C-alpha atoms as a PDB file:
ATOM      1  CA  MET A   1      27.195  12.246  16.932  1.00  0.00           C
ATOM      2  CA  SER A   2      26.069  12.698  13.473  1.00  0.00           C
ATOM      3  CA  THR A   3      22.793  14.601  13.064  1.00  0.00           C
ATOM      4  CA  THR A   4      21.915  13.157   9.782  1.00  0.00           C
ATOM      5  CA  ALA A   5      20.291   9.860   8.921  1.00  0.00           C
ATOM      6  CA  ASP A   6      20.836   8.290   5.640  1.00  0.00           C
ATOM      7  CA  VAL A   7      18.230   6.332   3.679  1.00  0.00           C
ATOM      8  CA  ALA A   8      18.894   2.363   3.209  1.00  0.00           C
ATOM      9  CA  ASP A   9      16.876   2.775  -0.189  1.00  0.00           C
ATOM     10  CA  GLU A  10      16.531   6.279  -1.412  1.00  0.00           C
ATOM     11  CA  GLN A  11      14.800   5.347  -4.714  1.00  0.00           C
ATOM     12  CA  GLY A  12      12.363   2.916  -2.842  1.00  0.00           C
ATOM     13  CA  LEU A  13      11.616   5.950  -0.307  1.00  0.00           C
ATOM     14  CA  ALA A  14      10.894   8.070  -3.653  1.00  0.00           C
ATOM     15  CA  GLU A  15       9.000   5.811  -5.039  1.00  0.00           C
ATOM     16  CA  ALA A  16       6.638   5.300  -1.771  1.00  0.00           C
ATOM     17  CA  LEU A  17       6.348   9.255  -1.747  1.00  0.00           C
ATOM     18  CA  ALA A  18       5.376   9.474  -5.270  1.00  0.00           C
ATOM     19  CA  ASP A  19       2.672   6.809  -5.097  1.00  0.00           C
ATOM     20  CA  LEU A  20       1.370   8.435  -1.926  1.00  0.00           C
ATOM     21  CA  ARG A  21       0.963  12.182  -3.295  1.00  0.00           C
ATOM     22  CA  SER A  22      -0.160  10.717  -7.159  1.00  0.00           C
ATOM     23  CA  ASP A  23      -4.011  10.953  -7.508  1.00  0.00           C
ATOM     24  CA  ASP A  24      -3.899   7.204  -9.373  1.00  0.00           C
ATOM     25  CA  THR A  25      -2.354   5.131  -6.656  1.00  0.00           C
ATOM     26  CA  GLU A  26      -4.308   3.230  -3.659  1.00  0.00           C
ATOM     27  CA  VAL A  27      -1.231   4.233  -1.497  1.00  0.00           C
ATOM     28  CA  ASN A  28      -2.057   6.293   1.465  1.00  0.00           C
ATOM     29  CA  LEU A  29      -0.086   5.527   4.215  1.00  0.00           C
ATOM     30  CA  VAL A  30       4.308   4.887   4.273  1.00  0.00           C
ATOM     31  CA  VAL A  31       6.270   4.378   7.609  1.00  0.00           C
ATOM     32  CA  LEU A  32      10.098   4.599   8.091  1.00  0.00           C
ATOM     33  CA  GLY A  33      11.909   3.320  10.715  1.00  0.00           C
ATOM     34  CA  HIS A  34      15.450   2.934  12.015  1.00  0.00           C
ATOM     35  CA  VAL A  35      17.438   0.043  10.067  1.00  0.00           C
ATOM     36  CA  ASN A  36      18.714  -2.551  13.112  1.00  0.00           C
ATOM     37  CA  GLY A  37      17.723   0.589  15.995  1.00  0.00           C
ATOM     38  CA  ASN A  38      20.614   2.482  13.759  1.00  0.00           C
ATOM     39  CA  PRO A  39      19.803   6.253  14.481  1.00  0.00           C
ATOM     40  CA  ASN A  40      21.640   7.076  11.361  1.00  0.00           C
ATOM     41  CA  LEU A  41      19.448   4.611   8.935  1.00  0.00           C
ATOM     42  CA  VAL A  42      15.871   4.567   8.199  1.00  0.00           C
ATOM     43  CA  ASP A  43      14.308   2.549   5.537  1.00  0.00           C
ATOM     44  CA  VAL A  44      10.927   2.457   4.487  1.00  0.00           C
ATOM     45  CA  VAL A  45       9.311  -0.530   6.423  1.00  0.00           C
ATOM     46  CA  HIS A  46       5.233  -0.272   5.601  1.00  0.00           C
ATOM     47  CA  VAL A  47       3.637   1.345   2.657  1.00  0.00           C
ATOM     48  CA  GLY A  48       0.145   0.663   2.917  1.00  0.00           C
ATOM     49  CA  THR A  49      -3.628   1.741   1.514  1.00  0.00           C
ATOM     50  CA  SER A  50      -5.315   2.906   4.846  1.00  0.00           C
ATOM     51  CA  LEU A  51      -4.537   4.527   7.924  1.00  0.00           C
ATOM     52  CA  SER A  52      -5.964   1.667  10.032  1.00  0.00           C
ATOM     53  CA  GLU A  53      -3.057   0.115   9.137  1.00  0.00           C
ATOM     54  CA  VAL A  54      -0.501   1.942  11.225  1.00  0.00           C
ATOM     55  CA  ALA A  55      -1.619   0.421  14.699  1.00  0.00           C
ATOM     56  CA  ASP A  56       0.385  -2.837  13.794  1.00  0.00           C
ATOM     57  CA  VAL A  57       3.305  -1.238  12.231  1.00  0.00           C
ATOM     58  CA  LEU A  58       3.724   1.680  15.103  1.00  0.00           C
ATOM     59  CA  ASP A  59       5.949  -0.137  17.563  1.00  0.00           C
ATOM     60  CA  PRO A  60       6.452   1.587  21.011  1.00  0.00           C
ATOM     61  CA  LYS A  61      10.518   0.452  21.537  1.00  0.00           C
ATOM     62  CA  GLN A  62      11.253   2.371  18.507  1.00  0.00           C
ATOM     63  CA  THR A  63      11.566   6.102  16.548  1.00  0.00           C
ATOM     64  CA  MET A  64       9.138   6.044  13.580  1.00  0.00           C
ATOM     65  CA  TYR A  65       8.061   8.369  10.966  1.00  0.00           C
ATOM     66  CA  VAL A  66       4.327   8.219   9.338  1.00  0.00           C
ATOM     67  CA  VAL A  67       3.489   9.795   6.756  1.00  0.00           C
ATOM     68  CA  VAL A  68      -0.308   9.697   6.002  1.00  0.00           C
ATOM     69  CA  ARG A  69      -2.562  10.914   3.266  1.00  0.00           C
ATOM     70  CA  LEU A  70      -6.205  11.847   3.635  1.00  0.00           C
ATOM     71  CA  THR A  71      -9.269  13.663   2.360  1.00  0.00           C
ATOM     72  CA  SER A  72     -11.105  16.519   3.904  1.00  0.00           C
ATOM     73  CA  THR A  73     -14.179  18.597   2.524  1.00  0.00           C
ATOM     74  CA  PHE A  74     -14.195  22.164   2.958  1.00  0.00           C
ATOM     75  CA  ASP A  75     -16.832  24.814   1.837  1.00  0.00           C
ATOM     76  CA  MET A  76     -18.291  21.531  -0.396  1.00  0.00           C
ATOM     77  CA  SER A  77     -14.601  20.681  -1.814  1.00  0.00           C
ATOM     78  CA  THR A  78     -12.961  17.721  -1.190  1.00  0.00           C
ATOM     79  CA  THR A  79      -9.378  18.458  -1.014  1.00  0.00           C
ATOM     80  CA  VAL A  80      -6.399  16.116  -0.102  1.00  0.00           C
ATOM     81  CA  LYS A  81      -4.463  16.589   2.843  1.00  0.00           C
ATOM     82  CA  PHE A  82      -1.411  15.193   4.008  1.00  0.00           C
ATOM     83  CA  VAL A  83      -0.212  14.564   7.367  1.00  0.00           C
ATOM     84  CA  TYR A  84       3.180  13.823   9.068  1.00  0.00           C
ATOM     85  CA  ALA A  85       3.538  12.241  12.372  1.00  0.00           C
ATOM     86  CA  HIS A  86       6.811  11.625  14.644  1.00  0.00           C
ATOM     87  CA  TRP A  87       5.990   8.395  16.469  1.00  0.00           C
ATOM     88  CA  VAL A  88       8.276   8.423  19.805  1.00  0.00           C
ATOM     89  CA  GLY A  89       7.640   4.891  21.316  1.00  0.00           C
ATOM     90  CA  ASN A  90       6.900   5.279  25.324  1.00  0.00           C
ATOM     91  CA  LYS A  91       9.261   2.243  25.502  1.00  0.00           C
ATOM     92  CA  VAL A  92      12.222   4.043  23.681  1.00  0.00           C
ATOM     93  CA  PRO A  93      15.194   3.994  26.296  1.00  0.00           C
ATOM     94  CA  TYR A  94      16.326   7.552  26.807  1.00  0.00           C
ATOM     95  CA  ALA A  95      19.580   7.560  25.137  1.00  0.00           C
ATOM     96  CA  THR A  96      17.972   6.338  21.937  1.00  0.00           C
ATOM     97  CA  ARG A  97      15.441   8.896  21.973  1.00  0.00           C
ATOM     98  CA  GLY A  98      18.272  11.084  22.226  1.00  0.00           C
ATOM     99  CA  LYS A  99      20.459   9.891  19.452  1.00  0.00           C
ATOM    100  CA  CYS A 100      17.173   9.677  17.284  1.00  0.00           C
ATOM    101  CA  GLY A 101      15.979  12.849  18.122  1.00  0.00           C
ATOM    102  CA  VAL A 102      19.209  14.652  16.811  1.00  0.00           C
ATOM    103  CA  VAL A 103      18.177  13.240  13.342  1.00  0.00           C
ATOM    104  CA  HIS A 104      14.470  13.697  13.275  1.00  0.00           C
ATOM    105  CA  GLU A 105      14.896  16.669  10.758  1.00  0.00           C
ATOM    106  CA  SER A 106      17.148  15.192   8.742  1.00  0.00           C
ATOM    107  CA  VAL A 107      14.801  12.619   8.093  1.00  0.00           C
ATOM    108  CA  ARG A 108      11.393  14.800   8.124  1.00  0.00           C
ATOM    109  CA  SER A 109      13.155  17.314   5.263  1.00  0.00           C
ATOM    110  CA  ARG A 110      13.176  14.242   3.165  1.00  0.00           C
ATOM    111  CA  LEU A 111       9.219  13.581   2.999  1.00  0.00           C
ATOM    112  CA  GLY A 112       7.877  17.234   1.492  1.00  0.00           C
ATOM    113  CA  ALA A 113       5.838  19.419   3.324  1.00  0.00           C
ATOM    114  CA  PHE A 114       2.334  18.478   5.124  1.00  0.00           C
ATOM    115  CA  HIS A 115      -0.882  20.354   6.033  1.00  0.00           C
ATOM    116  CA  LEU A 116      -0.400  18.942   9.754  1.00  0.00           C
ATOM    117  CA  GLU A 117       2.408  17.858  11.623  1.00  0.00           C
ATOM    118  CA  LEU A 118       2.471  15.849  14.944  1.00  0.00           C
ATOM    119  CA  GLU A 119       4.252  13.821  17.605  1.00  0.00           C
ATOM    120  CA  THR A 120       3.389  11.211  19.313  1.00  0.00           C
ATOM    121  CA  ASP A 121       3.641   8.335  21.631  1.00  0.00           C
ATOM    122  CA  SER A 122       0.261   7.324  20.601  1.00  0.00           C
ATOM    123  CA  VAL A 123      -1.837   5.332  18.642  1.00  0.00           C
ATOM    124  CA  GLU A 124      -5.082   6.922  19.615  1.00  0.00           C
ATOM    125  CA  ASP A 125      -3.949  10.361  17.980  1.00  0.00           C
ATOM    126  CA  LEU A 126      -3.335   8.345  14.882  1.00  0.00           C
ATOM    127  CA  THR A 127      -6.859   7.897  14.049  1.00  0.00           C
ATOM    128  CA  GLN A 128      -8.883   9.490  11.053  1.00  0.00           C
ATOM    129  CA  GLU A 129     -11.071  10.725  13.491  1.00  0.00           C
ATOM    130  CA  ALA A 130      -8.537  12.338  15.698  1.00  0.00           C
ATOM    131  CA  ILE A 131      -6.288  13.615  12.713  1.00  0.00           C
ATOM    132  CA  MET A 132      -9.365  14.940  11.360  1.00  0.00           C
ATOM    133  CA  GLN A 133     -10.200  17.083  14.172  1.00  0.00           C
ATOM    134  CA  LYS A 134      -6.665  18.439  14.240  1.00  0.00           C
ATOM    135  CA  LEU A 135      -6.895  19.565  10.595  1.00  0.00           C
ATOM    136  CA  GLU A 136     -10.112  21.423  11.420  1.00  0.00           C
ATOM    137  CA  GLU A 137      -8.262  23.014  14.593  1.00  0.00           C
ATOM    138  CA  ASN A 138      -5.728  24.060  12.321  1.00  0.00           C
ATOM    139  CA  SER A 139      -8.134  25.784   9.677  1.00  0.00           C
ATOM    140  CA  GLY A 140     -10.915  26.862  11.683  1.00  0.00           C
ATOM    141  CA  THR A 141     -13.491  28.381   9.141  1.00  0.00           C
ATOM    142  CA  LYS A 142     -10.624  29.439   6.428  1.00  0.00           C
ATOM    143  CA  SER A 143      -7.847  26.910   5.053  1.00  0.00           C
ATOM    144  CA  LYS A 144      -4.612  28.179   6.446  1.00  0.00           C
ATOM    145  CA  VAL A 145      -2.611  26.143   4.341  1.00  0.00           C
ATOM    146  CA  LEU A 146      -0.928  28.840   1.612  1.00  0.00           C
ATOM    147  CA  GLU A 147      -0.117  28.393  -2.219  1.00  0.00           C
ATOM    148  CA  SER A 148       2.684  30.267  -4.086  1.00  0.00           C
ATOM    149  CA  THR A 149       0.637  31.316  -7.226  1.00  0.00           C
ATOM    150  CA  GLU A 150       3.490  30.410  -9.451  1.00  0.00           C
ATOM    151  CA  GLY A 151       3.856  26.723 -10.213  1.00  0.00           C
ATOM    152  CA  ARG A 152       0.861  25.428  -8.109  1.00  0.00           C
ATOM    153  CA  GLN A 153      -0.160  22.432  -8.633  1.00  0.00           C
ATOM    154  CA  GLU A 154      -3.601  20.872  -8.824  1.00  0.00           C
ATOM    155  CA  ARG A 155      -2.856  18.440  -5.783  1.00  0.00           C
ATOM    156  CA  GLY A 156      -1.955  21.726  -3.839  1.00  0.00           C
ATOM    157  CA  PHE A 157       1.509  22.182  -2.786  1.00  0.00           C
ATOM    158  CA  THR A 158       4.306  24.414  -4.653  1.00  0.00           C
ATOM    159  CA  SER A 159       7.559  26.072  -3.696  1.00  0.00           C
ATOM    160  CA  SER A 160       7.109  28.113  -0.800  1.00  0.00           C
ATOM    161  CA  GLN A 161       6.814  27.037   2.787  1.00  0.00           C
ATOM    162  CA  ILE A 162       4.638  28.712   5.464  1.00  0.00           C
ATOM    163  CA  LEU A 163       4.489  27.342   8.674  1.00  0.00           C
ATOM    164  CA  SER A 164       2.285  27.757  11.766  1.00  0.00           C
ATOM    165  CA  ASN A 165       3.386  26.374  15.079  1.00  0.00           C
ATOM    166  CA  LYS A 166       0.613  25.276  17.294  1.00  0.00           C
ATOM    167  CA  THR A 167       0.150  23.048  20.480  1.00  0.00           C
ATOM    168  CA  SER A 168      -2.909  20.813  19.989  1.00  0.00           C
ATOM    169  CA  SER A 169      -5.229  19.842  22.920  1.00  0.00           C
ATOM    170  CA  THR A 170      -2.825  16.577  23.727  1.00  0.00           C
ATOM    171  CA  GLY A 171       0.157  18.701  23.655  1.00  0.00           C
ATOM    172  CA  HIS A 172       1.668  17.378  20.727  1.00  0.00           C
ATOM    173  CA  LYS A 173       3.022  19.918  18.332  1.00  0.00           C
ATOM    174  CA  SER A 174       1.234  20.298  15.272  1.00  0.00           C
ATOM    175  CA  MET A 175       1.917  23.153  12.120  1.00  0.00           C
ATOM    176  CA  SER A 176       0.451  23.300   8.437  1.00  0.00           C
ATOM    177  CA  SER A 177       2.757  23.939   5.656  1.00  0.00           C
ATOM    178  CA  THR A 178       2.240  24.436   1.701  1.00  0.00           C
ATOM    179  CA  LYS A 179       5.806  23.062   0.380  1.00  0.00           C
ATOM    180  CA  VAL A 180       6.015  19.386  -1.105  1.00  0.00           C
ATOM    181  CA  ASN A 181       8.780  18.498  -3.155  1.00  0.00           C
ATOM    182  CA  ALA A 182       8.117  18.465  -7.038  1.00  0.00           C
ATOM    183  CA  VAL A 183       6.227  14.725  -7.222  1.00  0.00           C
ATOM    184  CA  SER A 184       4.701  13.425 -10.604  1.00  0.00           C
ATOM    185  CA  LYS A 185       1.334  12.983 -10.622  1.00  0.00           C
ATOM    186  CA  GLU A 186       1.224  10.204 -12.730  1.00  0.00           C
ATOM    187  CA  GLY A 187       0.313   6.546 -11.926  1.00  0.00           C
ATOM    188  CA  ALA A 188       2.451   3.501 -12.436  1.00  0.00           C
ATOM    189  CA  PRO A 189       1.092   1.979 -15.997  1.00  0.00           C
ATOM    190  CA  VAL A 190       0.763  -1.674 -16.406  1.00  0.00           C
ATOM    191  CA  GLN A 191       1.462  -3.426 -19.510  1.00  0.00           C
ATOM    192  CA  PHE A 192       0.472  -7.189 -20.106  1.00  0.00           C
ATOM    193  CA  ALA A 193       2.141  -9.328 -22.517  1.00  0.00           C
ATOM    194  CA  PRO A 194      -0.037 -10.770 -25.803  1.00  0.00           C
ATOM    195  CA  GLU A 195       0.044 -14.236 -23.967  1.00  0.00           C
ATOM    196  CA  VAL A 196      -1.185 -12.917 -20.750  1.00  0.00           C
ATOM    197  CA  PRO A 197      -5.159 -12.439 -22.310  1.00  0.00           C
ATOM    198  CA  ASP A 198      -4.370 -15.899 -24.471  1.00  0.00           C
ATOM    199  CA  ALA A 199      -3.842 -17.783 -21.021  1.00  0.00           C
ATOM    200  CA  VAL A 200      -6.784 -16.562 -19.241  1.00  0.00           C
ATOM    201  CA  ALA A 201      -8.784 -17.118 -22.539  1.00  0.00           C
ATOM    202  CA  ASP A 202      -7.300 -20.831 -22.102  1.00  0.00           C
ATOM    203  CA  VAL A 203      -8.420 -21.392 -18.528  1.00  0.00           C
ATOM    204  CA  ARG A 204     -11.686 -20.486 -19.292  1.00  0.00           C
ATOM    205  CA  ASP A 205     -12.013 -22.789 -22.468  1.00  0.00           C
ATOM    206  CA  ASP A 206     -14.531 -25.542 -21.892  1.00  0.00           C
ATOM    207  CA  GLY A 207     -12.922 -27.002 -24.834  1.00  0.00           C
ATOM    208  CA  THR A 208      -8.984 -27.071 -22.737  1.00  0.00           C
ATOM    209  CA  ALA A 209      -7.678 -29.079 -19.688  1.00  0.00           C
ATOM    210  CA  THR A 210      -6.221 -26.615 -18.544  1.00  0.00           C
ATOM    211  CA  ASN A 211      -7.749 -25.485 -15.427  1.00  0.00           C
ATOM    212  CA  TRP A 212      -5.130 -22.658 -14.023  1.00  0.00           C
ATOM    213  CA  MET A 213      -2.742 -20.226 -15.140  1.00  0.00           C
ATOM    214  CA  LEU A 214       0.128 -17.901 -13.287  1.00  0.00           C
ATOM    215  CA  ALA A 215       1.260 -14.706 -14.589  1.00  0.00           C
ATOM    216  CA  GLY A 216       4.192 -12.289 -13.023  1.00  0.00           C
ATOM    217  CA  TYR A 217       6.175  -9.195 -13.804  1.00  0.00           C
ATOM    218  CA  GLU A 218       8.696  -9.789 -15.891  1.00  0.00           C
ATOM    219  CA  ARG A 219      12.177 -10.309 -13.859  1.00  0.00           C
ATOM    220  CA  GLY A 220       9.812  -9.841 -10.690  1.00  0.00           C
ATOM    221  CA  ASP A 221      10.206  -6.262 -11.042  1.00  0.00           C
ATOM    222  CA  PRO A 222       6.627  -4.271 -10.907  1.00  0.00           C
ATOM    223  CA  LYS A 223       7.878  -1.539 -13.034  1.00  0.00           C
ATOM    224  CA  GLN A 224       7.922  -4.289 -16.095  1.00  0.00           C
ATOM    225  CA  GLN A 225       5.123  -5.926 -17.778  1.00  0.00           C
ATOM    226  CA  ILE A 226       3.124  -9.099 -16.558  1.00  0.00           C
ATOM    227  CA  VAL A 227       3.773 -12.409 -18.486  1.00  0.00           C
ATOM    228  CA  VAL A 228       2.606 -15.404 -18.418  1.00  0.00           C
ATOM    229  CA  LEU A 229       4.959 -17.946 -15.652  1.00  0.00           C
ATOM    230  CA  GLY A 230       2.903 -21.010 -16.160  1.00  0.00           C
ATOM    231  CA  SER A 231      -0.348 -22.932 -16.534  1.00  0.00           C
ATOM    232  CA  GLY A 232      -1.356 -26.385 -16.494  1.00  0.00           C
ATOM    233  CA  THR A 233      -3.666 -29.112 -15.866  1.00  0.00           C
ATOM    234  CA  GLY A 234      -3.287 -30.138 -12.342  1.00  0.00           C
ATOM    235  CA  GLY A 235      -5.032 -27.451 -10.286  1.00  0.00           C
ATOM    236  CA  LEU A 236      -4.729 -25.816  -7.424  1.00  0.00           C
ATOM    237  CA  GLU A 237      -1.834 -28.656  -6.306  1.00  0.00           C
ATOM    238  CA  GLU A 238       0.418 -27.840  -9.237  1.00  0.00           C
ATOM    239  CA  LEU A 239      -0.560 -24.394  -9.241  1.00  0.00           C
ATOM    240  CA  LYS A 240       0.867 -23.482  -5.626  1.00  0.00           C
ATOM    241  CA  ALA A 241       3.756 -25.194  -6.638  1.00  0.00           C
ATOM    242  CA  GLY A 242       4.340 -21.789  -8.908  1.00  0.00           C
ATOM    243  CA  PHE A 243       4.186 -19.334  -5.976  1.00  0.00           C
ATOM    244  CA  ASP A 244       7.176 -17.591  -4.655  1.00  0.00           C
ATOM    245  CA  ASN A 245       7.567 -15.617  -1.366  1.00  0.00           C
ATOM    246  CA  SER A 246       9.306 -12.726  -3.134  1.00  0.00           C
ATOM    247  CA  LEU A 247       7.086 -12.113  -5.635  1.00  0.00           C
ATOM    248  CA  ALA A 248       3.643 -10.457  -6.416  1.00  0.00           C
ATOM    249  CA  MET A 249       1.662 -13.082  -8.466  1.00  0.00           C
ATOM    250  CA  TYR A 250      -1.542 -12.965  -9.980  1.00  0.00           C
ATOM    251  CA  ALA A 251      -3.419 -16.845 -10.705  1.00  0.00           C
ATOM    252  CA  LEU A 252      -6.348 -17.659 -12.296  1.00  0.00           C
ATOM    253  CA  LEU A 253      -7.713 -21.223 -11.060  1.00  0.00           C
ATOM    254  CA  ARG A 254     -10.371 -23.252 -12.790  1.00  0.00           C
ATOM    255  CA  VAL A 255     -12.843 -25.624 -10.385  1.00  0.00           C
ATOM    256  CA  THR A 256     -16.024 -27.510 -10.853  1.00  0.00           C
ATOM    257  CA  ASP A 257     -18.906 -27.308  -8.211  1.00  0.00           C
ATOM    258  CA  VAL A 258     -21.419 -30.443  -8.484  1.00  0.00           C
ATOM    259  CA  VAL A 259     -24.864 -30.118  -6.875  1.00  0.00           C
ATOM    260  CA  ASP A 260     -27.691 -32.264  -7.794  1.00  0.00           C
ATOM    261  CA  ASP A 261     -25.573 -33.847 -10.440  1.00  0.00           C
ATOM    262  CA  ILE A 262     -25.320 -30.676 -12.094  1.00  0.00           C
ATOM    263  CA  THR A 263     -21.899 -29.461 -12.835  1.00  0.00           C
ATOM    264  CA  THR A 264     -21.056 -25.727 -12.888  1.00  0.00           C
ATOM    265  CA  VAL A 265     -17.482 -24.104 -13.516  1.00  0.00           C
ATOM    266  CA  LYS A 266     -16.197 -21.707 -11.299  1.00  0.00           C
ATOM    267  CA  PHE A 267     -13.116 -19.415 -11.280  1.00  0.00           C
ATOM    268  CA  VAL A 268     -11.479 -18.461  -8.857  1.00  0.00           C
ATOM    269  CA  TYR A 269      -9.109 -15.166  -9.189  1.00  0.00           C
ATOM    270  CA  ILE A 270      -5.881 -15.269  -6.326  1.00  0.00           C
ATOM    271  CA  LEU A 271      -3.876 -12.292  -5.852  1.00  0.00           C
ATOM    272  CA  TRP A 272      -0.193 -13.533  -4.158  1.00  0.00           C
ATOM    273  CA  MET A 273       1.701 -10.633  -2.532  1.00  0.00           C
ATOM    274  CA  GLY A 274       4.425 -12.914  -0.843  1.00  0.00           C
ATOM    275  CA  ASP A 275       5.406 -12.337   2.552  1.00  0.00           C
ATOM    276  CA  LYS A 276       9.142 -11.562   1.307  1.00  0.00           C
ATOM    277  CA  VAL A 277       7.825  -8.677  -1.420  1.00  0.00           C
ATOM    278  CA  LYS A 278       9.424  -5.290  -0.405  1.00  0.00           C
ATOM    279  CA  PRO A 279       7.065  -2.500   0.671  1.00  0.00           C
ATOM    280  CA  MET A 280       7.991  -0.331  -2.355  1.00  0.00           C
ATOM    281  CA  SER A 281       7.311  -3.201  -4.110  1.00  0.00           C
ATOM    282  CA  ARG A 282       3.937  -3.847  -2.662  1.00  0.00           C
ATOM    283  CA  ALA A 283       3.513   0.234  -3.148  1.00  0.00           C
ATOM    284  CA  LYS A 284       4.144  -0.249  -7.261  1.00  0.00           C
ATOM    285  CA  VAL A 285       1.782  -3.202  -7.275  1.00  0.00           C
ATOM    286  CA  SER A 286      -0.931  -1.412  -5.592  1.00  0.00           C
ATOM    287  CA  THR A 287      -1.549   0.989  -8.468  1.00  0.00           C
ATOM    288  CA  HIS A 288      -2.216  -2.174 -10.804  1.00  0.00           C
ATOM    289  CA  LYS A 289      -4.866  -3.387  -8.869  1.00  0.00           C
ATOM    290  CA  GLY A 290      -7.651  -1.996 -10.786  1.00  0.00           C
ATOM    291  CA  ALA A 291      -6.124  -2.941 -14.478  1.00  0.00           C
ATOM    292  CA  VAL A 292      -5.348  -6.485 -13.455  1.00  0.00           C
ATOM    293  CA  GLU A 293      -8.636  -7.411 -11.972  1.00  0.00           C
ATOM    294  CA  GLU A 294     -10.190  -6.389 -15.506  1.00  0.00           C
ATOM    295  CA  MET A 295      -7.485  -8.557 -17.271  1.00  0.00           C
ATOM    296  CA  PHE A 296      -8.923 -11.778 -14.699  1.00  0.00           C
ATOM    297  CA  LYS A 297     -12.535 -11.026 -14.069  1.00  0.00           C
ATOM    298  CA  PRO A 298     -14.617 -12.177 -13.776  1.00  0.00           C
ATOM    299  CA  ALA A 299     -14.343 -14.360 -11.324  1.00  0.00           C
ATOM    300  CA  HIS A 300     -16.573 -16.116  -8.815  1.00  0.00           C
ATOM    301  CA  VAL A 301     -14.199 -15.700  -5.594  1.00  0.00           C
ATOM    302  CA  THR A 302     -11.272 -13.399  -5.161  1.00  0.00           C
ATOM    303  CA  ILE A 303      -8.238 -14.667  -2.837  1.00  0.00           C
ATOM    304  CA  PHE A 304      -5.358 -12.405  -0.963  1.00  0.00           C
ATOM    305  CA  ALA A 305      -2.594 -14.503  -0.321  1.00  0.00           C
ATOM    306  CA  SER A 306       0.523 -13.668   1.096  1.00  0.00           C
ATOM    307  CA  ASP A 307       1.466 -17.779   2.133  1.00  0.00           C
ATOM    308  CA  LEU A 308       0.571 -21.421   0.883  1.00  0.00           C
ATOM    309  CA  SER A 309      -1.437 -21.615   4.092  1.00  0.00           C
ATOM    310  CA  ASP A 310      -3.938 -18.876   2.599  1.00  0.00           C
ATOM    311  CA  LEU A 311      -4.483 -20.989   0.056  1.00  0.00           C
ATOM    312  CA  LYS A 312      -5.780 -24.290   2.291  1.00  0.00           C
ATOM    313  CA  GLY A 313      -9.837 -23.365   2.359  1.00  0.00           C
ATOM    314  CA  VAL A 314      -9.806 -22.378  -1.886  1.00  0.00           C
ATOM    315  CA  MET A 315     -12.931 -24.692  -1.959  1.00  0.00           C
ATOM    316  CA  ASP A 316     -14.213 -23.877   0.991  1.00  0.00           C
ATOM    317  CA  LYS A 317     -14.511 -20.540  -0.379  1.00  0.00           C
ATOM    318  CA  VAL A 318     -16.187 -21.468  -3.653  1.00  0.00           C
ATOM    319  CA  THR A 319     -18.714 -23.359  -2.248  1.00  0.00           C
ATOM    320  CA  SER A 320     -19.468 -20.933   0.309  1.00  0.00           C
ATOM    321  CA  ALA A 321     -19.854 -18.423  -2.834  1.00  0.00           C
ATOM    322  CA  SER A 322     -22.162 -20.442  -4.742  1.00  0.00           C
ATOM    323  CA  GLY A 323     -24.496 -21.700  -1.403  1.00  0.00           C
ATOM    324  CA  THR A 324     -23.208 -25.400  -1.669  1.00  0.00           C
ATOM    325  CA  LYS A 325     -20.639 -27.800   0.567  1.00  0.00           C
ATOM    326  CA  VAL A 326     -20.986 -30.965  -1.142  1.00  0.00           C
ATOM    327  CA  HIS A 327     -18.419 -31.960  -4.381  1.00  0.00           C
ATOM    328  CA  VAL A 328     -16.254 -29.475  -5.314  1.00  0.00           C
ATOM    329  CA  ARG A 329     -13.136 -30.321  -7.180  1.00  0.00           C
ATOM    330  CA  SER A 330     -10.582 -29.246  -9.885  1.00  0.00           C
ATOM    331  CA  SER A 331     -11.962 -29.757 -13.101  1.00  0.00           C
END
């Protein structure tokens, strides 16, 4: 029986973990799972911005691996804490528990080091309140997370590792640690092709008939610049034809709201994250959120969509935002 597990997408895992440990991203959660139940193959199954998402991801029939980033305040100083949770669902068959158990350390060793480690089958142990309590129990009145002086990094972890085993009140094993793999602190920059601001301006221009534009990453790669993918005069219905379920995309839509015979122009910003976008790409895209919003602002309504059905209520959202419910049409 093999005691190791391979990662289906090594680069994707590295990027997800780098984003998690970077100060310049919004990634706070990475979850791995076994591919098709294979105990010797794992991959990233979810990348998110909040620990609260984990309850919807964890499966009681699976063994999974959770990495979380939280902030903690101690002695009036706010620090970042990293937590690892080994999830063993309460419906995992006994034989599967054994097979996954022997590869656990090989998976865990790929993820770096943490202030706290725990094993659980209950999502109640994975709330921010529960984890912060465990962190406080481990630190007491003085942080027990030690660092080597040489090569110390701002985010805390360096090259030495000291483990302190402890049993929490729930009976789960926890530990503090000071070792982490070297990770770049630089966030993922985003660049815009010159035609992007021009296309945005065209939609906003009262002198043109253009009422939508669509942008996305060159070659569909979030590491590349954002380029214009299309524009037109056919409003929302025409725009919808350009969305791709495998891509992250951005759109600006111009509509008009007619109230008491007065026409008012409204702008809708759509952040499209297709339901087939890979978790690692989602993580990379999340680092661009602020810069992209800056390019597309101002907008009266912002819509996050992953399926065309999410766009059915666009006009209702516009009228709700403006306090009206009548005569909204594409300009």
